Structures are given as structure tokens and as C-alpha cells.
Amino acid sequence: MKLLILGANGPTGRHLVDQALAAGHEVTAFARSEARLPTSAPRLVTAIGDATEARALEGAMAGHDAVLSALGAGNSLRSEIASRAVAALVPAMRARGIKRVIYLSAFGVGETLEQASLVQRLAYRTLLRRIFADKAKADSMLRQSDLDWTLVYPTVLTNGVRTGKYRIGERLAMTGMPRISRADVASFMLAQVSSAEWLRRTAVISY
């Protein structure tokens, strides 16, 4: 398949690019800058642009089968990148006739807060309150669209190895502050491009 990966130079996006190429997909790695993007690899194209601009996204996604987004806010706790990017992504995908999108959100956003442990809720309602509100806005826009979306809600992300052993469900029991590696999250996201199991569903993922 031909995949467009947003946030390709981020910590989760780089796993998506590497795993997609290893699986034999054609990949367009989309990022704001060339920093940390792979410079060359078979079946890889790089695209530099602003993910909040529909025209830039539309230009990059021509001829693709699916979009995977690992966009993040970096170190900002006030970023509105999620809602601004989705506001550009939905019309761009419609214009190109692309339906499938696998989108990385975060556990604790929106209704998933109800599943959170006490420790998680304290973090989500204080430090992460503003950025999670923006993510919830973005997720709502995707749910209301006519796209074939899958929303992925990982718990705390780590730089651990890919294990292939994790819990996945629309609801998961939580204690303390559980974690999941970016490599395992990328593996799950990539598997969804050829599966309808989580089509138009919310997937909570954690160890």
C-alpha cells in the first residue's frame, strides 16, 4: 500500500516509517522540517510542509491509500496542533478521495478519562488539561467526518522495544500510570491499514 505518515520525524512517527518500509509499503514521510527524517530508503519519499494547511496535505497525499498521523505537540502544553491539523486533514482527504485514516490521540482524552485511574486523572486534569482539550476537539471532528477513521489512545508512551504483547480494547482497566512503547503503538497502527476490525472505533492500548 501507499501510505502518508504525518509527524514522520517525531518519536512515534519514525517507528511508523521504519516499520512500514520493513513491511514493504510505499511511504511518504510528511514533516515540517527535514530534521531526523530518513534521507533515503527504497520506497520512501519525503514531503516537507505544514500539517495544518489543507493545500500542503492535499498535494502530498495524491495517489495514496491511507493516512497515518503521529502528530504531536512536542514539549508544548498549550498547542492546538491536533485540532488545526484535523481541520486541514479532513477536507484534503475528501478532495483526494482517500477514506482511511489511523490517528494517534492519547488515553485520557475525551470519554477515555472515565477509565483513568486516580493517578492518571490528576495528571490529565492539571498538566495536560489544555492540550487534551484540543485533542478531544480534533477527535470529535474525525468522528463526525465521513472518513474511515480509527482513533488510537495509548497510555504513557515510552522508547521501549517492540514486544507485540499489549492490551487493546475500547475500555481497559487501569491502575497507577501504565505505559506502552511507541514501537508497539506504531505496530498496532500499521496493522490497521489492512484491517477493518477497528474501523470507526476507538482503540485504547496499553501494557
C-alpha atoms as a PDB file:
ATOM      1  CA  MET A   1       0.000   0.000   0.000  1.00  0.00           C
ATOM      2  CA  LYS A   2       0.987   3.621  -0.401  1.00  0.00           C
ATOM      3  CA  LEU A   3       0.919   5.394   2.963  1.00  0.00           C
ATOM      4  CA  LEU A   4       1.205   9.035   4.005  1.00  0.00           C
ATOM      5  CA  ILE A   5       2.659   9.374   7.506  1.00  0.00           C
ATOM      6  CA  LEU A   6       2.165  12.697   9.295  1.00  0.00           C
ATOM      7  CA  GLY A   7       4.581  13.664  12.042  1.00  0.00           C
ATOM      8  CA  ALA A   8       7.100  11.321  10.449  1.00  0.00           C
ATOM      9  CA  ASN A   9      10.105  12.839  12.214  1.00  0.00           C
ATOM     10  CA  GLY A  10       8.553  12.535  15.690  1.00  0.00           C
ATOM     11  CA  PRO A  11       9.354   9.715  18.132  1.00  0.00           C
ATOM     12  CA  THR A  12       6.334   7.584  17.145  1.00  0.00           C
ATOM     13  CA  GLY A  13       6.316   8.685  13.515  1.00  0.00           C
ATOM     14  CA  ARG A  14       9.846   7.390  12.982  1.00  0.00           C
ATOM     15  CA  HIS A  15       8.740   3.940  14.152  1.00  0.00           C
ATOM     16  CA  LEU A  16       5.811   4.105  11.730  1.00  0.00           C
ATOM     17  CA  VAL A  17       8.100   4.957   8.828  1.00  0.00           C
ATOM     18  CA  ASP A  18      10.623   2.231   9.640  1.00  0.00           C
ATOM     19  CA  GLN A  19       8.009  -0.468  10.217  1.00  0.00           C
ATOM     20  CA  ALA A  20       6.002   0.475   7.124  1.00  0.00           C
ATOM     21  CA  LEU A  21       9.070   0.284   4.924  1.00  0.00           C
ATOM     22  CA  ALA A  22      10.103  -3.025   6.500  1.00  0.00           C
ATOM     23  CA  ALA A  23       6.617  -4.370   5.696  1.00  0.00           C
ATOM     24  CA  GLY A  24       7.027  -3.460   2.028  1.00  0.00           C
ATOM     25  CA  HIS A  25       4.754  -0.400   1.881  1.00  0.00           C
ATOM     26  CA  GLU A  26       5.475   2.717  -0.157  1.00  0.00           C
ATOM     27  CA  VAL A  27       5.807   5.623   2.277  1.00  0.00           C
ATOM     28  CA  THR A  28       5.575   9.388   2.040  1.00  0.00           C
ATOM     29  CA  ALA A  29       7.046  10.835   5.238  1.00  0.00           C
ATOM     30  CA  PHE A  30       5.461  14.244   5.895  1.00  0.00           C
ATOM     31  CA  ALA A  31       7.025  16.651   8.379  1.00  0.00           C
ATOM     32  CA  ARG A  32       7.518  20.367   8.994  1.00  0.00           C
ATOM     33  CA  SER A  33      11.306  20.071   8.612  1.00  0.00           C
ATOM     34  CA  GLU A  34      13.874  17.598   7.340  1.00  0.00           C
ATOM     35  CA  ALA A  35      15.368  17.168  10.804  1.00  0.00           C
ATOM     36  CA  ARG A  36      15.537  13.489  11.803  1.00  0.00           C
ATOM     37  CA  LEU A  37      13.793  12.348   8.627  1.00  0.00           C
ATOM     38  CA  PRO A  38      15.442   9.378   6.883  1.00  0.00           C
ATOM     39  CA  THR A  39      17.382  10.738   3.932  1.00  0.00           C
ATOM     40  CA  SER A  40      16.985   7.790   1.582  1.00  0.00           C
ATOM     41  CA  ALA A  41      15.475   4.344   1.527  1.00  0.00           C
ATOM     42  CA  PRO A  42      13.744   2.176  -1.067  1.00  0.00           C
ATOM     43  CA  ARG A  43      10.036   3.084  -1.478  1.00  0.00           C
ATOM     44  CA  LEU A  44      10.429   6.270   0.610  1.00  0.00           C
ATOM     45  CA  VAL A  45       9.524   9.816  -0.399  1.00  0.00           C
ATOM     46  CA  THR A  46       9.827  12.798   1.948  1.00  0.00           C
ATOM     47  CA  ALA A  47       7.470  15.792   1.905  1.00  0.00           C
ATOM     48  CA  ILE A  48       8.136  18.974   3.861  1.00  0.00           C
ATOM     49  CA  GLY A  49       5.135  21.087   4.783  1.00  0.00           C
ATOM     50  CA  ASP A  50       2.730  22.349   7.402  1.00  0.00           C
ATOM     51  CA  ALA A  51       0.211  19.715   8.528  1.00  0.00           C
ATOM     52  CA  THR A  52      -2.280  22.461   9.409  1.00  0.00           C
ATOM     53  CA  GLU A  53      -2.533  23.571   5.761  1.00  0.00           C
ATOM     54  CA  ALA A  54      -5.036  21.613   3.665  1.00  0.00           C
ATOM     55  CA  ARG A  55      -3.318  22.513   0.408  1.00  0.00           C
ATOM     56  CA  ALA A  56       0.019  21.142   1.593  1.00  0.00           C
ATOM     57  CA  LEU A  57      -1.605  17.914   2.763  1.00  0.00           C
ATOM     58  CA  GLU A  58      -3.625  17.526  -0.411  1.00  0.00           C
ATOM     59  CA  GLY A  59      -0.502  17.892  -2.508  1.00  0.00           C
ATOM     60  CA  ALA A  60       1.386  15.276  -0.522  1.00  0.00           C
ATOM     61  CA  MET A  61      -1.355  12.628  -0.420  1.00  0.00           C
ATOM     62  CA  ALA A  62      -2.165  12.294  -4.114  1.00  0.00           C
ATOM     63  CA  GLY A  63      -2.349   8.618  -5.077  1.00  0.00           C
ATOM     64  CA  HIS A  64      -2.118   7.281  -1.525  1.00  0.00           C
ATOM     65  CA  ASP A  65      -4.253   4.550   0.019  1.00  0.00           C
ATOM     66  CA  ALA A  66      -4.274   5.653   3.655  1.00  0.00           C
ATOM     67  CA  VAL A  67      -3.037   8.282   6.095  1.00  0.00           C
ATOM     68  CA  LEU A  68      -1.432   7.585   9.464  1.00  0.00           C
ATOM     69  CA  SER A  69      -1.000  10.514  11.824  1.00  0.00           C
ATOM     70  CA  ALA A  70       1.512  10.581  14.658  1.00  0.00           C
ATOM     71  CA  LEU A  71       1.460  14.353  15.016  1.00  0.00           C
ATOM     72  CA  GLY A  72       2.423  15.573  18.446  1.00  0.00           C
ATOM     73  CA  ALA A  73       2.757  18.846  20.305  1.00  0.00           C
ATOM     74  CA  GLY A  74       6.377  18.340  21.272  1.00  0.00           C
ATOM     75  CA  ASN A  75       7.092  19.944  24.630  1.00  0.00           C
ATOM     76  CA  SER A  76       4.166  22.362  24.424  1.00  0.00           C
ATOM     77  CA  LEU A  77       1.278  22.026  26.873  1.00  0.00           C
ATOM     78  CA  ARG A  78      -0.774  24.665  25.061  1.00  0.00           C
ATOM     79  CA  SER A  79      -0.501  23.564  21.436  1.00  0.00           C
ATOM     80  CA  GLU A  80      -3.557  23.466  19.193  1.00  0.00           C
ATOM     81  CA  ILE A  81      -1.810  21.367  16.541  1.00  0.00           C
ATOM     82  CA  ALA A  82      -4.296  18.498  16.831  1.00  0.00           C
ATOM     83  CA  SER A  83      -7.479  20.446  16.045  1.00  0.00           C
ATOM     84  CA  ARG A  84      -5.795  22.625  13.425  1.00  0.00           C
ATOM     85  CA  ALA A  85      -4.310  19.599  11.658  1.00  0.00           C
ATOM     86  CA  VAL A  86      -7.585  17.650  11.591  1.00  0.00           C
ATOM     87  CA  ALA A  87      -9.405  20.729  10.300  1.00  0.00           C
ATOM     88  CA  ALA A  88      -6.998  20.642   7.338  1.00  0.00           C
ATOM     89  CA  LEU A  89      -6.790  16.867   7.003  1.00  0.00           C
ATOM     90  CA  VAL A  90     -10.494  16.091   6.555  1.00  0.00           C
ATOM     91  CA  PRO A  91     -11.068  18.320   3.506  1.00  0.00           C
ATOM     92  CA  ALA A  92      -7.713  17.321   1.996  1.00  0.00           C
ATOM     93  CA  MET A  93      -8.600  13.624   2.205  1.00  0.00           C
ATOM     94  CA  ARG A  94     -12.047  14.280   0.754  1.00  0.00           C
ATOM     95  CA  ALA A  95     -10.506  16.191  -2.142  1.00  0.00           C
ATOM     96  CA  ARG A  96      -8.200  13.260  -2.940  1.00  0.00           C
ATOM     97  CA  GLY A  97     -10.868  10.606  -2.396  1.00  0.00           C
ATOM     98  CA  ILE A  98      -8.928   8.922   0.414  1.00  0.00           C
ATOM     99  CA  LYS A  99     -11.040   7.438   3.206  1.00  0.00           C
ATOM    100  CA  ARG A 100      -8.755   5.526   5.589  1.00  0.00           C
ATOM    101  CA  VAL A 101      -7.019   7.371   8.423  1.00  0.00           C
ATOM    102  CA  ILE A 102      -5.409   5.957  11.560  1.00  0.00           C
ATOM    103  CA  TYR A 103      -4.955   8.768  14.046  1.00  0.00           C
ATOM    104  CA  LEU A 104      -2.862   8.827  17.225  1.00  0.00           C
ATOM    105  CA  SER A 105      -4.595  10.539  20.155  1.00  0.00           C
ATOM    106  CA  ALA A 106      -3.901   9.841  23.848  1.00  0.00           C
ATOM    107  CA  PHE A 107      -5.511   7.935  26.689  1.00  0.00           C
ATOM    108  CA  GLY A 108      -7.344  10.347  28.975  1.00  0.00           C
ATOM    109  CA  VAL A 109      -8.708  12.406  26.096  1.00  0.00           C
ATOM    110  CA  GLY A 110     -12.485  12.776  25.891  1.00  0.00           C
ATOM    111  CA  GLU A 111     -14.560   9.863  27.180  1.00  0.00           C
ATOM    112  CA  THR A 112     -11.470   7.741  27.913  1.00  0.00           C
ATOM    113  CA  LEU A 113     -10.933   9.893  31.013  1.00  0.00           C
ATOM    114  CA  GLU A 114     -13.731   7.866  32.627  1.00  0.00           C
ATOM    115  CA  GLN A 115     -11.465   4.792  32.509  1.00  0.00           C
ATOM    116  CA  ALA A 116      -8.472   6.515  34.082  1.00  0.00           C
ATOM    117  CA  SER A 117      -7.021   5.644  37.461  1.00  0.00           C
ATOM    118  CA  LEU A 118      -6.831   8.316  40.166  1.00  0.00           C
ATOM    119  CA  VAL A 119      -3.153   8.937  39.401  1.00  0.00           C
ATOM    120  CA  GLN A 120      -3.883   9.328  35.702  1.00  0.00           C
ATOM    121  CA  ARG A 121      -6.788  11.709  36.313  1.00  0.00           C
ATOM    122  CA  LEU A 122      -4.623  14.007  38.436  1.00  0.00           C
ATOM    123  CA  ALA A 123      -2.146  14.364  35.573  1.00  0.00           C
ATOM    124  CA  TYR A 124      -4.760  14.694  32.841  1.00  0.00           C
ATOM    125  CA  ARG A 125      -6.795  17.353  34.684  1.00  0.00           C
ATOM    126  CA  THR A 126      -3.805  19.508  35.599  1.00  0.00           C
ATOM    127  CA  LEU A 127      -0.657  19.466  33.455  1.00  0.00           C
ATOM    128  CA  LEU A 128      -2.311  18.056  30.338  1.00  0.00           C
ATOM    129  CA  ARG A 129      -5.713  19.718  30.634  1.00  0.00           C
ATOM    130  CA  ARG A 130      -5.361  22.225  27.785  1.00  0.00           C
ATOM    131  CA  ILE A 131      -3.626  20.001  25.283  1.00  0.00           C
ATOM    132  CA  PHE A 132      -6.067  17.137  25.968  1.00  0.00           C
ATOM    133  CA  ALA A 133      -8.987  19.511  25.381  1.00  0.00           C
ATOM    134  CA  ASP A 134      -7.547  20.302  21.954  1.00  0.00           C
ATOM    135  CA  LYS A 135      -7.052  16.616  21.205  1.00  0.00           C
ATOM    136  CA  ALA A 136     -10.673  15.953  22.177  1.00  0.00           C
ATOM    137  CA  LYS A 137     -11.779  18.636  19.718  1.00  0.00           C
ATOM    138  CA  ALA A 138      -9.722  17.015  16.962  1.00  0.00           C
ATOM    139  CA  ASP A 139     -11.043  13.539  17.734  1.00  0.00           C
ATOM    140  CA  SER A 140     -14.619  14.814  17.626  1.00  0.00           C
ATOM    141  CA  MET A 141     -14.047  16.299  14.166  1.00  0.00           C
ATOM    142  CA  LEU A 142     -12.800  12.954  12.897  1.00  0.00           C
ATOM    143  CA  ARG A 143     -15.741  11.063  14.402  1.00  0.00           C
ATOM    144  CA  GLN A 144     -18.176  13.454  12.757  1.00  0.00           C
ATOM    145  CA  SER A 145     -16.493  13.131   9.359  1.00  0.00           C
ATOM    146  CA  ASP A 146     -17.303  10.605   6.652  1.00  0.00           C
ATOM    147  CA  LEU A 147     -13.767   9.202   6.774  1.00  0.00           C
ATOM    148  CA  ASP A 148     -12.941   5.620   7.745  1.00  0.00           C
ATOM    149  CA  TRP A 149     -11.107   6.554  10.920  1.00  0.00           C
ATOM    150  CA  THR A 150      -9.504   4.620  13.732  1.00  0.00           C
ATOM    151  CA  LEU A 151      -8.576   6.595  16.842  1.00  0.00           C
ATOM    152  CA  VAL A 152      -5.704   5.154  18.880  1.00  0.00           C
ATOM    153  CA  TYR A 153      -5.449   6.023  22.584  1.00  0.00           C
ATOM    154  CA  PRO A 154      -2.138   4.886  24.119  1.00  0.00           C
ATOM    155  CA  THR A 155      -1.251   5.294  27.763  1.00  0.00           C
ATOM    156  CA  VAL A 156       2.113   6.890  28.658  1.00  0.00           C
ATOM    157  CA  LEU A 157       4.473   6.413  25.719  1.00  0.00           C
ATOM    158  CA  THR A 158       7.982   5.066  26.197  1.00  0.00           C
ATOM    159  CA  ASN A 159      11.001   4.417  23.996  1.00  0.00           C
ATOM    160  CA  GLY A 160      10.941   0.705  24.815  1.00  0.00           C
ATOM    161  CA  VAL A 161      11.234  -2.113  22.327  1.00  0.00           C
ATOM    162  CA  ARG A 162       8.500  -3.603  20.206  1.00  0.00           C
ATOM    163  CA  THR A 163       7.048  -6.567  22.112  1.00  0.00           C
ATOM    164  CA  GLY A 164       3.808  -7.399  20.302  1.00  0.00           C
ATOM    165  CA  LYS A 165       2.295  -8.072  23.733  1.00  0.00           C
ATOM    166  CA  TYR A 166      -0.194  -5.450  24.861  1.00  0.00           C
ATOM    167  CA  ARG A 167      -3.835  -4.975  25.830  1.00  0.00           C
ATOM    168  CA  ILE A 168      -6.238  -3.471  23.347  1.00  0.00           C
ATOM    169  CA  GLY A 169      -9.916  -2.613  23.796  1.00  0.00           C
ATOM    170  CA  GLU A 170     -12.487   0.134  23.744  1.00  0.00           C
ATOM    171  CA  ARG A 171     -12.268   0.038  27.540  1.00  0.00           C
ATOM    172  CA  LEU A 172      -9.356  -1.181  29.677  1.00  0.00           C
ATOM    173  CA  ALA A 173      -8.967  -1.426  33.442  1.00  0.00           C
ATOM    174  CA  MET A 174      -6.286   0.977  34.673  1.00  0.00           C
ATOM    175  CA  THR A 175      -4.200   1.115  37.841  1.00  0.00           C
ATOM    176  CA  GLY A 176      -1.368   3.528  38.540  1.00  0.00           C
ATOM    177  CA  MET A 177       0.242   5.017  35.426  1.00  0.00           C
ATOM    178  CA  PRO A 178       0.568   2.203  32.828  1.00  0.00           C
ATOM    179  CA  ARG A 179       2.800   2.575  29.798  1.00  0.00           C
ATOM    180  CA  ILE A 180       3.224   1.337  26.240  1.00  0.00           C
ATOM    181  CA  SER A 181       6.177   1.613  23.872  1.00  0.00           C
ATOM    182  CA  ARG A 182       5.970   3.790  20.783  1.00  0.00           C
ATOM    183  CA  ALA A 183       7.211   0.811  18.784  1.00  0.00           C
ATOM    184  CA  ASP A 184       4.194  -1.284  19.829  1.00  0.00           C
ATOM    185  CA  VAL A 185       1.792   1.593  19.177  1.00  0.00           C
ATOM    186  CA  ALA A 186       3.246   2.018  15.686  1.00  0.00           C
ATOM    187  CA  SER A 187       2.892  -1.710  15.061  1.00  0.00           C
ATOM    188  CA  PHE A 188      -0.792  -1.625  16.001  1.00  0.00           C
ATOM    189  CA  MET A 189      -1.457   1.468  13.908  1.00  0.00           C
ATOM    190  CA  LEU A 190       0.234  -0.002  10.867  1.00  0.00           C
ATOM    191  CA  ALA A 191      -1.774  -3.223  11.146  1.00  0.00           C
ATOM    192  CA  GLN A 192      -4.996  -1.218  10.825  1.00  0.00           C
ATOM    193  CA  VAL A 193      -4.339  -0.164   7.229  1.00  0.00           C
ATOM    194  CA  SER A 194      -5.271  -3.683   6.115  1.00  0.00           C
ATOM    195  CA  SER A 195      -7.885  -4.462   8.778  1.00  0.00           C
ATOM    196  CA  ALA A 196     -11.471  -3.356   9.365  1.00  0.00           C
ATOM    197  CA  GLU A 197     -11.586  -4.599  12.973  1.00  0.00           C
ATOM    198  CA  TRP A 198     -11.168  -1.114  14.457  1.00  0.00           C
ATOM    199  CA  LEU A 199     -12.861   0.809  11.659  1.00  0.00           C
ATOM    200  CA  ARG A 200     -14.675   3.869  13.065  1.00  0.00           C
ATOM    201  CA  ARG A 201     -13.801   2.729  16.582  1.00  0.00           C
ATOM    202  CA  THR A 202     -11.661   3.957  19.483  1.00  0.00           C
ATOM    203  CA  ALA A 203      -8.772   1.669  20.430  1.00  0.00           C
ATOM    204  CA  VAL A 204      -7.234   2.021  23.907  1.00  0.00           C
ATOM    205  CA  ILE A 205      -3.794   0.409  24.004  1.00  0.00           C
ATOM    206  CA  SER A 206      -1.560  -0.307  26.998  1.00  0.00           C
ATOM    207  CA  TYR A 207       0.574  -2.957  28.692  1.00  0.00           C
END
